[in-house]
N, C-alpha and C. Protein backbone atom coordinates (compact mmCIF):
# COMPACT_ATOMS: atom_id res chain seq x y z
N UNK A 1 -9.45 -0.53 5.10
CA UNK A 1 -8.50 -0.04 6.10
C UNK A 1 -7.33 0.64 5.39
N UNK A 2 -7.02 1.86 5.82
CA UNK A 2 -5.88 2.60 5.28
C UNK A 2 -4.89 2.90 6.41
N UNK A 3 -3.62 2.60 6.18
CA UNK A 3 -2.57 2.86 7.16
C UNK A 3 -1.72 4.03 6.67
N UNK A 4 -0.98 4.64 7.57
CA UNK A 4 -0.16 5.80 7.23
C UNK A 4 1.28 5.57 7.67
N UNK A 5 2.21 5.98 6.83
CA UNK A 5 3.62 5.93 7.21
C UNK A 5 4.34 7.09 6.53
N UNK A 6 5.30 7.68 7.25
CA UNK A 6 6.10 8.77 6.70
C UNK A 6 7.47 8.25 6.29
N UNK A 7 8.06 8.92 5.30
CA UNK A 7 9.39 8.53 4.84
C UNK A 7 10.10 9.75 4.28
N UNK A 8 11.36 9.55 3.91
CA UNK A 8 12.16 10.62 3.33
C UNK A 8 12.79 10.13 2.03
N UNK A 9 13.14 11.08 1.17
CA UNK A 9 13.84 10.71 -0.04
C UNK A 9 15.25 10.24 0.33
N UNK A 10 15.69 9.16 -0.29
CA UNK A 10 16.99 8.61 0.02
C UNK A 10 18.09 9.49 -0.59
N UNK A 11 19.06 9.91 0.21
CA UNK A 11 20.15 10.75 -0.31
C UNK A 11 20.90 10.03 -1.43
N UNK A 12 21.21 10.74 -2.48
CA UNK A 12 21.91 10.15 -3.61
C UNK A 12 23.28 9.64 -3.17
N UNK A 13 23.62 8.44 -3.57
CA UNK A 13 24.92 7.86 -3.22
C UNK A 13 24.97 7.19 -1.86
N UNK A 14 23.87 7.19 -1.12
CA UNK A 14 23.87 6.56 0.20
C UNK A 14 23.95 5.05 0.07
N UNK A 15 24.58 4.41 1.03
CA UNK A 15 24.77 2.97 1.04
C UNK A 15 23.67 2.30 1.86
N UNK A 16 23.03 1.29 1.25
CA UNK A 16 21.90 0.65 1.93
C UNK A 16 22.32 -0.03 3.24
N UNK A 17 23.51 -0.61 3.28
CA UNK A 17 23.97 -1.27 4.51
C UNK A 17 24.13 -0.25 5.63
N UNK A 18 24.67 0.93 5.29
CA UNK A 18 24.84 1.98 6.29
C UNK A 18 23.48 2.47 6.78
N UNK A 19 22.52 2.58 5.87
CA UNK A 19 21.17 3.00 6.26
C UNK A 19 20.56 2.02 7.25
N UNK A 20 20.70 0.74 6.96
CA UNK A 20 20.11 -0.27 7.85
C UNK A 20 20.78 -0.26 9.22
N UNK A 21 22.09 -0.05 9.25
CA UNK A 21 22.80 0.02 10.53
C UNK A 21 22.33 1.20 11.37
N UNK A 22 21.89 2.25 10.70
CA UNK A 22 21.43 3.45 11.42
C UNK A 22 19.93 3.42 11.73
N UNK A 23 19.29 2.29 11.48
CA UNK A 23 17.87 2.15 11.83
C UNK A 23 16.92 2.59 10.74
N UNK A 24 17.40 2.64 9.49
CA UNK A 24 16.55 3.03 8.36
C UNK A 24 16.39 1.83 7.41
N UNK A 25 15.23 1.76 6.77
CA UNK A 25 14.95 0.71 5.79
C UNK A 25 14.80 1.35 4.41
N UNK A 26 15.56 0.89 3.41
CA UNK A 26 15.40 1.43 2.05
C UNK A 26 14.06 1.01 1.45
N UNK A 27 13.52 1.88 0.59
CA UNK A 27 12.25 1.59 -0.09
C UNK A 27 12.22 2.31 -1.42
N UNK A 28 11.24 1.94 -2.25
CA UNK A 28 11.03 2.62 -3.52
C UNK A 28 9.55 2.88 -3.74
N UNK A 29 9.26 4.00 -4.38
CA UNK A 29 7.90 4.35 -4.76
C UNK A 29 7.81 4.35 -6.28
N UNK A 30 6.81 3.62 -6.81
CA UNK A 30 6.59 3.55 -8.25
C UNK A 30 5.18 4.05 -8.58
N UNK A 31 4.97 4.42 -9.83
CA UNK A 31 3.63 4.72 -10.31
C UNK A 31 3.11 6.11 -10.04
N UNK A 32 3.86 6.94 -9.31
CA UNK A 32 3.37 8.28 -8.99
C UNK A 32 3.57 9.24 -10.15
N UNK A 33 4.51 8.92 -11.04
CA UNK A 33 4.83 9.80 -12.16
C UNK A 33 5.35 8.94 -13.32
N UNK A 34 4.40 8.28 -14.02
CA UNK A 34 4.79 7.42 -15.13
C UNK A 34 5.67 6.27 -14.67
N UNK A 35 6.78 6.08 -15.37
CA UNK A 35 7.69 4.98 -15.03
C UNK A 35 8.77 5.41 -14.04
N UNK A 36 8.74 6.67 -13.64
CA UNK A 36 9.75 7.18 -12.71
C UNK A 36 9.57 6.58 -11.32
N UNK A 37 10.68 6.28 -10.66
CA UNK A 37 10.62 5.78 -9.29
C UNK A 37 11.42 6.70 -8.38
N UNK A 38 11.08 6.66 -7.09
CA UNK A 38 11.77 7.47 -6.11
C UNK A 38 12.36 6.56 -5.05
N UNK A 39 13.65 6.73 -4.73
CA UNK A 39 14.30 5.97 -3.67
C UNK A 39 14.02 6.64 -2.34
N UNK A 40 13.60 5.84 -1.36
CA UNK A 40 13.17 6.38 -0.07
C UNK A 40 13.90 5.67 1.07
N UNK A 41 13.79 6.27 2.27
CA UNK A 41 14.20 5.60 3.50
C UNK A 41 13.07 5.74 4.51
N UNK A 42 12.94 4.72 5.36
CA UNK A 42 11.89 4.70 6.38
C UNK A 42 12.47 4.25 7.70
N UNK A 43 11.89 4.74 8.77
CA UNK A 43 12.31 4.33 10.10
C UNK A 43 11.99 2.85 10.30
N UNK A 44 12.98 2.08 10.73
CA UNK A 44 12.82 0.63 10.85
C UNK A 44 11.69 0.24 11.80
N UNK A 45 11.55 0.95 12.93
CA UNK A 45 10.48 0.62 13.88
C UNK A 45 9.12 0.92 13.28
N UNK A 46 9.01 2.02 12.51
CA UNK A 46 7.75 2.35 11.86
C UNK A 46 7.38 1.29 10.83
N UNK A 47 8.40 0.78 10.13
CA UNK A 47 8.16 -0.28 9.14
C UNK A 47 7.66 -1.55 9.82
N UNK A 48 8.27 -1.93 10.94
CA UNK A 48 7.84 -3.12 11.66
C UNK A 48 6.39 -2.98 12.13
N UNK A 49 6.03 -1.80 12.63
CA UNK A 49 4.64 -1.55 13.05
C UNK A 49 3.69 -1.64 11.86
N UNK A 50 4.10 -1.09 10.72
CA UNK A 50 3.28 -1.13 9.52
C UNK A 50 3.02 -2.56 9.07
N UNK A 51 4.06 -3.38 9.07
CA UNK A 51 3.95 -4.74 8.56
C UNK A 51 3.15 -5.66 9.46
N UNK A 52 2.93 -5.26 10.71
CA UNK A 52 2.05 -6.04 11.58
C UNK A 52 0.60 -5.94 11.13
N UNK A 53 0.27 -4.86 10.42
CA UNK A 53 -1.12 -4.61 10.03
C UNK A 53 -1.34 -4.70 8.53
N UNK A 54 -0.29 -4.47 7.74
CA UNK A 54 -0.45 -4.39 6.29
C UNK A 54 -0.20 -5.74 5.62
N UNK A 55 -0.86 -5.94 4.49
CA UNK A 55 -0.66 -7.14 3.68
C UNK A 55 -0.21 -6.72 2.28
N UNK A 56 0.67 -7.51 1.68
CA UNK A 56 1.14 -7.21 0.33
C UNK A 56 -0.02 -7.29 -0.66
N UNK A 57 -0.11 -6.28 -1.53
CA UNK A 57 -1.12 -6.22 -2.59
C UNK A 57 -2.54 -6.23 -2.06
N UNK A 58 -2.74 -5.75 -0.84
CA UNK A 58 -4.10 -5.75 -0.29
C UNK A 58 -4.42 -4.50 0.49
N UNK A 59 -3.48 -3.99 1.28
CA UNK A 59 -3.76 -2.87 2.19
C UNK A 59 -3.37 -1.54 1.56
N UNK A 60 -4.30 -0.57 1.58
CA UNK A 60 -3.99 0.79 1.15
C UNK A 60 -3.15 1.48 2.22
N UNK A 61 -2.08 2.11 1.79
CA UNK A 61 -1.19 2.81 2.72
C UNK A 61 -1.03 4.25 2.27
N UNK A 62 -1.33 5.17 3.17
CA UNK A 62 -1.15 6.59 2.88
C UNK A 62 0.33 6.92 3.12
N UNK A 63 1.06 7.10 2.03
CA UNK A 63 2.51 7.31 2.09
C UNK A 63 2.81 8.81 2.04
N UNK A 64 3.58 9.29 3.00
CA UNK A 64 3.95 10.70 3.06
C UNK A 64 5.47 10.83 2.91
N UNK A 65 5.89 11.39 1.78
CA UNK A 65 7.31 11.66 1.57
C UNK A 65 7.53 13.11 1.97
N UNK A 66 8.06 13.31 3.17
CA UNK A 66 8.03 14.63 3.80
C UNK A 66 8.90 15.67 3.10
N UNK A 67 9.99 15.23 2.45
CA UNK A 67 10.90 16.23 1.89
C UNK A 67 10.77 16.41 0.38
N UNK A 68 9.79 15.75 -0.29
CA UNK A 68 9.61 15.99 -1.73
C UNK A 68 8.88 17.31 -2.02
N UNK A 69 7.74 17.63 -1.41
CA UNK A 69 6.85 16.77 -0.63
C UNK A 69 5.89 16.02 -1.56
N UNK A 70 5.49 14.82 -1.11
CA UNK A 70 4.49 14.03 -1.86
C UNK A 70 3.70 13.20 -0.87
N UNK A 71 2.40 13.10 -1.12
CA UNK A 71 1.55 12.27 -0.29
C UNK A 71 0.48 11.65 -1.17
N UNK A 72 0.22 10.36 -0.96
CA UNK A 72 -0.82 9.69 -1.74
C UNK A 72 -1.03 8.27 -1.26
N UNK A 73 -2.10 7.68 -1.77
CA UNK A 73 -2.41 6.30 -1.41
C UNK A 73 -1.59 5.34 -2.27
N UNK A 74 -1.07 4.31 -1.62
CA UNK A 74 -0.22 3.33 -2.29
C UNK A 74 -0.61 1.92 -1.86
N UNK A 75 -0.17 0.96 -2.65
CA UNK A 75 -0.23 -0.44 -2.26
C UNK A 75 1.18 -0.92 -1.98
N UNK A 76 1.33 -1.72 -0.96
CA UNK A 76 2.61 -2.35 -0.68
C UNK A 76 2.77 -3.52 -1.65
N UNK A 77 3.72 -3.40 -2.59
CA UNK A 77 3.88 -4.40 -3.64
C UNK A 77 4.86 -5.51 -3.27
N UNK A 78 5.87 -5.18 -2.49
CA UNK A 78 6.90 -6.19 -2.20
C UNK A 78 7.59 -5.86 -0.88
N UNK A 79 7.88 -6.90 -0.12
CA UNK A 79 8.68 -6.79 1.11
C UNK A 79 9.80 -7.80 1.02
N UNK A 80 11.04 -7.32 0.95
CA UNK A 80 12.20 -8.20 0.99
C UNK A 80 12.67 -8.31 2.43
N UNK A 81 13.00 -9.52 2.85
CA UNK A 81 13.44 -9.73 4.23
C UNK A 81 14.85 -10.31 4.25
N UNK A 82 15.53 -10.09 5.38
CA UNK A 82 16.88 -10.61 5.56
C UNK A 82 16.82 -12.13 5.54
N UNK A 83 17.69 -12.80 4.77
CA UNK A 83 17.60 -14.26 4.62
C UNK A 83 17.80 -15.03 5.91
N UNK A 84 18.47 -14.45 6.89
CA UNK A 84 18.72 -15.15 8.15
C UNK A 84 17.85 -14.59 9.28
N UNK A 85 17.87 -13.28 9.44
CA UNK A 85 17.16 -12.65 10.56
C UNK A 85 15.65 -12.57 10.31
N UNK A 86 15.23 -12.51 9.04
CA UNK A 86 13.82 -12.39 8.74
C UNK A 86 13.27 -10.99 8.93
N UNK A 87 14.14 -10.01 9.18
CA UNK A 87 13.70 -8.63 9.38
C UNK A 87 13.52 -7.94 8.02
N UNK A 88 12.67 -6.88 7.96
CA UNK A 88 12.46 -6.17 6.70
C UNK A 88 13.76 -5.61 6.14
N UNK A 89 13.95 -5.76 4.85
CA UNK A 89 15.21 -5.40 4.19
C UNK A 89 15.01 -4.29 3.16
N UNK A 90 13.85 -4.37 2.46
CA UNK A 90 13.53 -3.38 1.43
C UNK A 90 12.04 -3.47 1.12
N UNK A 91 11.41 -2.31 0.90
CA UNK A 91 9.98 -2.25 0.60
C UNK A 91 9.75 -1.57 -0.75
N UNK A 92 8.69 -1.99 -1.44
CA UNK A 92 8.30 -1.33 -2.69
C UNK A 92 6.83 -0.94 -2.60
N UNK A 93 6.54 0.31 -2.94
CA UNK A 93 5.18 0.85 -2.93
C UNK A 93 4.76 1.26 -4.33
N UNK A 94 3.46 1.14 -4.62
CA UNK A 94 2.93 1.57 -5.92
C UNK A 94 1.81 2.56 -5.69
N UNK A 95 1.95 3.77 -6.26
CA UNK A 95 0.92 4.80 -6.11
C UNK A 95 -0.30 4.42 -6.95
N UNK A 96 -1.48 4.48 -6.37
CA UNK A 96 -2.68 3.97 -7.05
C UNK A 96 -3.49 5.06 -7.74
N UNK A 97 -3.29 6.33 -7.41
CA UNK A 97 -4.11 7.40 -7.98
C UNK A 97 -3.98 7.43 -9.50
N UNK A 98 -5.14 7.50 -10.18
CA UNK A 98 -5.15 7.64 -11.63
C UNK A 98 -4.91 6.36 -12.40
N UNK A 99 -4.83 5.22 -11.69
CA UNK A 99 -4.56 3.97 -12.39
C UNK A 99 -5.81 3.10 -12.55
N UNK A 100 -6.98 3.59 -12.10
CA UNK A 100 -8.22 2.83 -12.25
C UNK A 100 -8.21 1.55 -11.44
N UNK A 101 -8.81 0.50 -12.01
CA UNK A 101 -8.88 -0.77 -11.30
C UNK A 101 -7.49 -1.35 -11.07
N UNK A 102 -7.33 -1.95 -9.89
CA UNK A 102 -6.07 -2.57 -9.52
C UNK A 102 -6.26 -4.08 -9.40
N UNK A 103 -5.19 -4.83 -9.62
CA UNK A 103 -5.18 -6.26 -9.34
C UNK A 103 -4.55 -6.46 -7.98
N UNK A 104 -5.31 -7.05 -7.06
CA UNK A 104 -4.84 -7.20 -5.68
C UNK A 104 -5.05 -8.63 -5.21
N UNK A 105 -4.37 -8.98 -4.13
CA UNK A 105 -4.52 -10.30 -3.52
C UNK A 105 -5.40 -10.17 -2.28
N UNK A 106 -6.45 -11.00 -2.22
CA UNK A 106 -7.40 -10.94 -1.10
C UNK A 106 -7.46 -12.31 -0.44
N UNK A 107 -7.28 -12.39 0.88
CA UNK A 107 -7.37 -13.69 1.56
C UNK A 107 -8.80 -14.22 1.56
N UNK A 108 -8.94 -15.54 1.52
CA UNK A 108 -10.24 -16.19 1.63
C UNK A 108 -10.47 -16.59 3.08
N UNK A 109 -11.68 -16.34 3.57
CA UNK A 109 -12.03 -16.70 4.95
C UNK A 109 -13.18 -17.70 4.90
N UNK A 110 -12.89 -18.93 5.31
CA UNK A 110 -13.90 -19.98 5.26
C UNK A 110 -14.74 -19.94 6.53
N UNK A 111 -16.05 -19.83 6.36
CA UNK A 111 -16.98 -19.61 7.47
C UNK A 111 -17.84 -20.85 7.67
N UNK A 112 -18.03 -21.22 8.91
CA UNK A 112 -18.89 -22.36 9.24
C UNK A 112 -18.12 -23.67 9.31
N UNK A 113 -18.81 -24.72 9.78
CA UNK A 113 -18.24 -26.06 9.86
C UNK A 113 -18.93 -26.94 8.82
N UNK A 114 -18.17 -27.45 7.88
CA UNK A 114 -18.74 -28.28 6.83
C UNK A 114 -19.39 -29.53 7.43
N UNK A 115 -20.62 -29.80 6.98
CA UNK A 115 -21.34 -30.96 7.51
C UNK A 115 -20.60 -32.25 7.18
N UNK A 116 -19.87 -32.24 6.06
CA UNK A 116 -19.10 -33.42 5.66
C UNK A 116 -17.94 -33.70 6.59
N UNK A 117 -17.47 -32.68 7.30
CA UNK A 117 -16.39 -32.85 8.28
C UNK A 117 -16.98 -33.12 9.66
N UNK A 118 -17.96 -32.32 10.01
CA UNK A 118 -18.52 -32.36 11.37
C UNK A 118 -19.30 -33.65 11.62
N UNK A 119 -20.06 -34.12 10.62
CA UNK A 119 -20.96 -35.26 10.85
C UNK A 119 -20.60 -36.51 10.03
N UNK A 120 -19.82 -36.35 8.97
CA UNK A 120 -19.60 -37.48 8.06
C UNK A 120 -18.15 -37.99 8.06
N UNK A 121 -17.29 -37.38 8.87
CA UNK A 121 -15.93 -37.89 9.01
C UNK A 121 -14.97 -37.52 7.90
N UNK A 122 -15.37 -36.59 7.01
CA UNK A 122 -14.49 -36.16 5.93
C UNK A 122 -13.46 -35.15 6.41
N UNK A 123 -12.60 -34.73 5.49
CA UNK A 123 -11.58 -33.75 5.83
C UNK A 123 -11.65 -32.60 4.82
N UNK A 124 -11.52 -31.38 5.32
CA UNK A 124 -11.60 -30.20 4.47
C UNK A 124 -10.27 -29.98 3.75
N UNK A 125 -10.33 -29.78 2.44
CA UNK A 125 -9.15 -29.53 1.63
C UNK A 125 -9.31 -28.19 0.94
N UNK A 126 -8.49 -27.20 1.33
CA UNK A 126 -8.58 -25.87 0.72
C UNK A 126 -7.54 -25.75 -0.38
N UNK A 127 -8.02 -25.64 -1.61
CA UNK A 127 -7.11 -25.52 -2.76
C UNK A 127 -6.59 -24.10 -2.89
N UNK A 128 -7.37 -23.12 -2.43
CA UNK A 128 -6.97 -21.71 -2.48
C UNK A 128 -7.13 -21.10 -1.10
N UNK A 129 -6.18 -20.25 -0.72
CA UNK A 129 -6.31 -19.51 0.54
C UNK A 129 -6.36 -18.00 0.29
N UNK A 130 -6.05 -17.58 -0.94
CA UNK A 130 -6.17 -16.20 -1.33
C UNK A 130 -6.57 -16.14 -2.80
N UNK A 131 -7.09 -14.97 -3.20
CA UNK A 131 -7.65 -14.84 -4.53
C UNK A 131 -7.19 -13.54 -5.16
N UNK A 132 -6.82 -13.60 -6.43
CA UNK A 132 -6.45 -12.40 -7.16
C UNK A 132 -7.71 -11.81 -7.78
N UNK A 133 -8.00 -10.54 -7.47
CA UNK A 133 -9.21 -9.90 -7.96
C UNK A 133 -8.89 -8.52 -8.53
N UNK A 134 -9.82 -7.98 -9.32
CA UNK A 134 -9.73 -6.62 -9.83
C UNK A 134 -10.77 -5.76 -9.14
N UNK A 135 -10.37 -4.57 -8.69
CA UNK A 135 -11.30 -3.65 -8.05
C UNK A 135 -10.66 -2.27 -7.98
N UNK A 136 -11.47 -1.29 -7.64
CA UNK A 136 -10.97 0.07 -7.44
C UNK A 136 -10.15 0.11 -6.14
N UNK A 137 -9.15 0.99 -6.06
CA UNK A 137 -8.30 1.05 -4.86
C UNK A 137 -9.08 1.30 -3.56
N UNK A 138 -10.18 2.05 -3.65
CA UNK A 138 -10.95 2.34 -2.43
C UNK A 138 -11.99 1.26 -2.13
N UNK A 139 -11.94 0.15 -2.86
CA UNK A 139 -12.93 -0.91 -2.68
C UNK A 139 -12.25 -2.27 -2.48
N UNK A 140 -11.05 -2.27 -1.92
CA UNK A 140 -10.33 -3.52 -1.71
C UNK A 140 -10.89 -4.23 -0.47
N UNK A 141 -11.45 -5.43 -0.64
CA UNK A 141 -11.96 -6.14 0.54
C UNK A 141 -10.82 -6.69 1.38
N UNK A 142 -10.98 -6.64 2.69
CA UNK A 142 -9.95 -7.20 3.57
C UNK A 142 -9.91 -8.72 3.45
N UNK A 143 -11.07 -9.32 3.16
CA UNK A 143 -11.15 -10.77 2.96
C UNK A 143 -12.45 -11.07 2.23
N UNK A 144 -12.51 -12.23 1.59
CA UNK A 144 -13.73 -12.70 0.96
C UNK A 144 -14.20 -13.93 1.73
N UNK A 145 -15.41 -13.86 2.28
CA UNK A 145 -15.94 -14.95 3.09
C UNK A 145 -16.63 -15.99 2.21
N UNK A 146 -16.38 -17.26 2.52
CA UNK A 146 -17.00 -18.37 1.80
C UNK A 146 -17.63 -19.31 2.83
N UNK A 147 -18.95 -19.46 2.76
CA UNK A 147 -19.66 -20.32 3.70
C UNK A 147 -19.57 -21.77 3.25
N UNK A 148 -18.98 -22.61 4.08
CA UNK A 148 -18.78 -24.02 3.72
C UNK A 148 -19.68 -24.95 4.52
N UNK A 149 -20.64 -24.40 5.26
CA UNK A 149 -21.45 -25.20 6.18
C UNK A 149 -22.19 -26.34 5.50
N UNK A 150 -22.64 -26.16 4.26
CA UNK A 150 -23.49 -27.15 3.60
C UNK A 150 -22.71 -28.18 2.78
N UNK A 151 -21.40 -28.14 2.84
CA UNK A 151 -20.59 -29.07 2.04
C UNK A 151 -20.58 -30.47 2.66
N UNK A 152 -21.01 -31.47 1.86
CA UNK A 152 -20.96 -32.86 2.28
C UNK A 152 -19.69 -33.51 1.73
N UNK A 153 -19.40 -34.73 2.19
CA UNK A 153 -18.26 -35.48 1.66
C UNK A 153 -18.43 -35.64 0.15
N UNK A 154 -17.36 -35.34 -0.59
CA UNK A 154 -17.39 -35.46 -2.04
C UNK A 154 -17.84 -34.20 -2.76
N UNK A 155 -18.28 -33.19 -2.02
CA UNK A 155 -18.72 -31.94 -2.63
C UNK A 155 -17.61 -30.90 -2.63
N UNK A 156 -17.74 -29.92 -3.53
CA UNK A 156 -16.69 -28.89 -3.66
C UNK A 156 -17.31 -27.57 -4.09
N UNK A 157 -16.52 -26.52 -3.98
CA UNK A 157 -16.89 -25.18 -4.46
C UNK A 157 -15.82 -24.71 -5.44
N UNK A 158 -16.26 -24.08 -6.53
CA UNK A 158 -15.35 -23.54 -7.52
C UNK A 158 -15.49 -22.02 -7.58
N UNK A 159 -14.57 -21.37 -8.27
CA UNK A 159 -14.55 -19.91 -8.30
C UNK A 159 -15.87 -19.30 -8.76
N UNK A 160 -16.55 -19.92 -9.74
CA UNK A 160 -17.79 -19.33 -10.24
C UNK A 160 -18.91 -19.38 -9.21
N UNK A 161 -18.71 -20.14 -8.12
CA UNK A 161 -19.73 -20.22 -7.07
C UNK A 161 -19.45 -19.26 -5.92
N UNK A 162 -18.32 -18.58 -5.95
CA UNK A 162 -17.95 -17.65 -4.87
C UNK A 162 -18.72 -16.34 -5.05
N UNK A 163 -19.37 -15.90 -3.99
CA UNK A 163 -20.10 -14.63 -4.01
C UNK A 163 -19.12 -13.50 -3.72
N UNK A 164 -18.95 -12.60 -4.68
CA UNK A 164 -17.99 -11.51 -4.55
C UNK A 164 -18.66 -10.24 -4.06
N UNK A 165 -17.94 -9.40 -3.30
CA UNK A 165 -18.47 -8.09 -2.93
C UNK A 165 -18.74 -7.25 -4.18
N UNK A 166 -19.63 -6.31 -4.07
CA UNK A 166 -19.97 -5.45 -5.20
C UNK A 166 -18.74 -4.69 -5.70
N UNK A 167 -18.56 -4.67 -7.00
CA UNK A 167 -17.43 -3.95 -7.60
C UNK A 167 -16.14 -4.74 -7.65
N UNK A 168 -16.18 -6.00 -7.20
CA UNK A 168 -15.00 -6.85 -7.21
C UNK A 168 -15.18 -7.94 -8.26
N UNK A 169 -14.17 -8.15 -9.11
CA UNK A 169 -14.25 -9.13 -10.19
C UNK A 169 -13.04 -10.06 -10.17
N UNK A 170 -13.26 -11.28 -10.64
CA UNK A 170 -12.17 -12.25 -10.77
C UNK A 170 -11.73 -12.26 -12.23
N UNK A 171 -10.46 -11.95 -12.51
CA UNK A 171 -10.00 -11.98 -13.90
C UNK A 171 -9.81 -13.41 -14.39
N UNK A 172 -10.05 -13.65 -15.66
CA UNK A 172 -9.77 -14.96 -16.25
C UNK A 172 -10.84 -16.00 -15.95
N UNK A 173 -10.45 -17.27 -16.09
CA UNK A 173 -11.37 -18.39 -15.92
C UNK A 173 -11.81 -18.52 -14.47
N UNK A 174 -13.05 -19.05 -14.30
CA UNK A 174 -13.59 -19.17 -12.95
C UNK A 174 -13.98 -20.61 -12.63
N UNK A 175 -13.30 -21.57 -13.26
CA UNK A 175 -13.61 -22.98 -13.01
C UNK A 175 -12.69 -23.59 -11.96
N UNK A 176 -11.74 -22.82 -11.45
CA UNK A 176 -10.74 -23.37 -10.53
C UNK A 176 -11.37 -23.81 -9.21
N UNK A 177 -10.90 -24.94 -8.70
CA UNK A 177 -11.37 -25.45 -7.42
C UNK A 177 -10.92 -24.54 -6.28
N UNK A 178 -11.83 -24.28 -5.34
CA UNK A 178 -11.52 -23.45 -4.17
C UNK A 178 -11.39 -24.31 -2.91
N UNK A 179 -12.40 -25.16 -2.66
CA UNK A 179 -12.41 -25.96 -1.45
C UNK A 179 -13.26 -27.21 -1.70
N UNK A 180 -12.90 -28.30 -1.01
CA UNK A 180 -13.68 -29.53 -1.15
C UNK A 180 -13.60 -30.32 0.16
N UNK A 181 -14.55 -31.25 0.33
CA UNK A 181 -14.52 -32.16 1.47
C UNK A 181 -14.15 -33.54 0.94
N UNK A 182 -13.01 -34.04 1.35
CA UNK A 182 -12.49 -35.31 0.86
C UNK A 182 -12.99 -36.48 1.70
N UNK A 183 -13.15 -37.60 1.03
CA UNK A 183 -13.56 -38.82 1.71
C UNK A 183 -12.38 -39.42 2.47
N UNK A 184 -12.65 -39.95 3.65
CA UNK A 184 -11.63 -40.64 4.45
C UNK A 184 -12.18 -42.01 4.83
N UNK A 185 -11.35 -42.81 5.49
CA UNK A 185 -11.83 -44.12 5.93
C UNK A 185 -13.01 -43.96 6.88
N UNK A 186 -12.92 -42.96 7.75
CA UNK A 186 -14.01 -42.73 8.71
C UNK A 186 -15.31 -42.36 8.00
N UNK A 187 -15.21 -41.50 6.96
CA UNK A 187 -16.42 -41.10 6.25
C UNK A 187 -16.99 -42.26 5.44
N UNK A 188 -16.12 -43.15 4.91
CA UNK A 188 -16.59 -44.32 4.18
C UNK A 188 -17.33 -45.27 5.11
N UNK A 189 -16.75 -45.51 6.30
CA UNK A 189 -17.39 -46.39 7.28
C UNK A 189 -18.72 -45.82 7.76
N UNK A 190 -18.76 -44.47 7.91
CA UNK A 190 -20.01 -43.83 8.34
C UNK A 190 -21.08 -43.99 7.28
N UNK A 191 -20.70 -43.85 6.00
CA UNK A 191 -21.65 -43.98 4.90
C UNK A 191 -22.18 -45.41 4.82
N UNK A 192 -21.27 -46.41 5.00
CA UNK A 192 -21.68 -47.81 4.95
C UNK A 192 -22.60 -48.15 6.12
N UNK A 193 -22.29 -47.57 7.27
CA UNK A 193 -23.12 -47.80 8.46
C UNK A 193 -24.52 -47.23 8.26
N UNK A 194 -24.58 -46.02 7.69
CA UNK A 194 -25.88 -45.39 7.44
C UNK A 194 -26.68 -46.20 6.42
N UNK A 195 -25.98 -46.71 5.39
CA UNK A 195 -26.65 -47.51 4.36
C UNK A 195 -27.21 -48.79 4.97
N UNK A 196 -26.43 -49.42 5.85
CA UNK A 196 -26.88 -50.64 6.50
C UNK A 196 -28.08 -50.40 7.39
N UNK A 197 -28.07 -49.27 8.07
CA UNK A 197 -29.20 -48.91 8.95
C UNK A 197 -30.46 -48.70 8.13
N UNK A 198 -30.32 -48.03 6.98
CA UNK A 198 -31.47 -47.78 6.12
C UNK A 198 -32.04 -49.08 5.56
N UNK A 199 -31.16 -50.04 5.19
CA UNK A 199 -31.61 -51.31 4.66
C UNK A 199 -32.34 -52.12 5.72
N UNK A 200 -31.80 -52.06 6.95
CA UNK A 200 -32.42 -52.82 8.03
C UNK A 200 -33.81 -52.31 8.38
N UNK A 201 -34.00 -50.99 8.20
CA UNK A 201 -35.30 -50.41 8.53
C UNK A 201 -36.28 -50.62 7.37
């Protein structure tokens, strides 16, 4: 999914507080020309609409700087919010063209009902809810699905067991725990009951 937003170059010497009062949100663009950055302003309502759909380090955004002019695909790297109001305060974008593989954050989506929860009285414990992966900018998955249907009480899944989309890689070690089904009093009683039934038969 690619989103689009337009912006303007921020006038030199402009005050960020004055911009926000006038309905503009300050932003910066990095990576489009080496280490050089560009100060921008964006319409506050457009930013709010963008943030309803975009995720940090995950969603490709087609950024149009109308008065440079410059247009290209970017990743939203950072969103600063007002400490009290929670409204967007400042945005940072990174241009992805020519940078090869990117490191992005992808949410994990757990699919199915674990048998250890549904039938054995256990509780699902998710150690990770998002995953840092390497991939090309045009191949960023919106989410990585993990089927947990076959997990019994006491069983777990680790990173090396996660099936990744083609062209997506996990950097570093892959032994980290992702999800497990923990034993509870109910699951212990269920196991003892089943054992007793088997012995009686």
